[in-house]
Amino acid sequence: MTKKFDENYNKPMVDKGQELGQNIIDTLNSYSFDPIIAGVVAKVMVSHLTLQQSVGRLIVALIEGFATQKYVDDRNAATIELCKKLNKITKDTHLPFI
């Protein structure tokens, strides 16, 4: 499903993706992140349908990433186990860019 990470693959876009990832991590690094998640969900649900598909592609890529995560401890074990189950469903799913 996802293009494996390669620093030479469209470097400007990889850099932009890493910046977005850091922004997500920084934003969620708070004890009151439930309202943030609710805000993101509300905004995505009213976005353009093509963008909703792209968000879905991101979610599936995250599921795949978590499912293959090598380092697991009590802080991320529940996410890893859930994503391993979900990855069995999503690994053969193609969400095209339309």
Protein backbone atom coordinates (compact mmCIF):
# COMPACT_ATOMS: atom_id res chain seq x y z
CA MET A 1 0.00 0.00 0.00
CA THR A 2 2.57 2.59 1.04
CA LYS A 3 5.77 3.68 -0.60
CA LYS A 4 8.57 2.57 1.69
CA PHE A 5 10.52 5.46 3.16
CA ASP A 6 13.39 6.53 0.95
CA GLU A 7 15.03 9.90 1.61
CA ASN A 8 15.76 10.29 -2.11
CA TYR A 9 12.12 9.74 -3.12
CA ASN A 10 10.63 13.17 -3.88
CA LYS A 11 12.65 14.78 -1.08
CA PRO A 12 10.63 18.02 -0.84
CA MET A 13 7.43 16.04 -0.28
CA VAL A 14 9.15 13.66 2.16
CA ASP A 15 10.37 16.71 4.09
CA LYS A 16 6.85 18.17 4.10
CA GLY A 17 5.48 14.84 5.37
CA GLN A 18 8.06 14.70 8.14
CA GLU A 19 7.18 18.27 9.14
CA LEU A 20 3.48 17.35 9.25
CA GLY A 21 4.28 14.26 11.32
CA GLN A 22 6.27 16.36 13.79
CA ASN A 23 3.42 18.88 14.02
CA ILE A 24 0.97 16.06 14.79
CA ILE A 25 3.30 14.65 17.45
CA ASP A 26 3.87 18.07 19.01
CA THR A 27 0.15 18.85 19.04
CA LEU A 28 -0.81 15.52 20.61
CA ASN A 29 1.91 15.82 23.28
CA SER A 30 -0.68 17.16 25.71
CA TYR A 31 -2.84 15.68 28.42
CA SER A 32 -5.93 17.32 26.93
CA PHE A 33 -5.70 15.94 23.41
CA ASP A 34 -9.27 14.54 23.21
CA PRO A 35 -10.67 17.96 22.11
CA ILE A 36 -7.87 18.17 19.52
CA ILE A 37 -8.83 14.78 18.09
CA ALA A 38 -12.51 15.77 18.06
CA GLY A 39 -11.61 18.96 16.18
CA VAL A 40 -9.57 17.07 13.60
CA VAL A 41 -12.35 14.54 13.03
CA ALA A 42 -14.97 17.29 12.70
CA LYS A 43 -12.86 19.21 10.17
CA VAL A 44 -11.97 16.16 8.06
CA MET A 45 -15.61 15.04 7.93
CA VAL A 46 -16.60 18.29 6.19
CA SER A 47 -13.57 18.43 3.88
CA HIS A 48 -13.60 17.69 0.15
CA LEU A 49 -14.28 14.01 -0.55
CA THR A 50 -10.96 13.60 -2.39
CA LEU A 51 -9.18 14.92 0.70
CA GLN A 52 -11.15 12.51 2.88
CA GLN A 53 -9.83 9.69 0.67
CA SER A 54 -6.28 11.02 1.14
CA VAL A 55 -6.76 11.09 4.92
CA GLY A 56 -7.97 7.49 4.69
CA ARG A 57 -4.80 6.60 2.79
CA LEU A 58 -2.76 8.22 5.57
CA ILE A 59 -4.65 6.27 8.23
CA VAL A 60 -4.08 2.97 6.39
CA ALA A 61 -0.38 3.81 6.04
CA LEU A 62 -0.18 4.53 9.78
CA ILE A 63 -1.91 1.22 10.53
CA GLU A 64 0.66 -0.57 8.37
CA GLY A 65 3.50 1.31 10.06
CA PHE A 66 2.28 0.50 13.56
CA ALA A 67 1.63 -3.15 12.60
CA THR A 68 5.28 -3.54 11.60
CA GLN A 69 6.74 -1.49 14.47
CA LYS A 70 9.77 -3.24 15.95
CA TYR A 71 9.95 -1.49 19.34
CA VAL A 72 6.99 -2.22 21.60
CA ASP A 73 6.48 -1.65 25.29
CA ASP A 74 3.51 -0.88 27.55
CA ARG A 75 3.25 2.69 26.20
CA ASN A 76 2.38 1.62 22.64
CA ALA A 77 1.47 -2.08 22.95
CA ALA A 78 -2.30 -1.57 22.64
CA THR A 79 -1.89 0.48 19.47
CA ILE A 80 0.50 -2.06 17.96
CA GLU A 81 -1.80 -4.99 18.72
CA LEU A 82 -4.86 -3.20 17.34
CA CYS A 83 -3.00 -2.20 14.18
CA LYS A 84 -1.77 -5.75 13.64
CA LYS A 85 -5.42 -6.86 13.59
CA LEU A 86 -6.52 -3.97 11.38
CA ASN A 87 -3.60 -4.48 9.00
CA LYS A 88 -4.92 -7.94 8.16
CA ILE A 89 -8.00 -6.18 6.76
CA THR A 90 -6.35 -3.11 5.22
CA LYS A 91 -3.19 -4.63 3.71
CA ASP A 92 -5.02 -5.67 0.54
CA THR A 93 -7.12 -2.51 0.34
CA HIS A 94 -6.36 0.00 -2.38
CA LEU A 95 -7.46 3.58 -1.76
CA PRO A 96 -6.72 5.38 -5.02
CA PHE A 97 -5.92 9.04 -5.33
CA ILE A 98 -8.93 10.40 -7.19
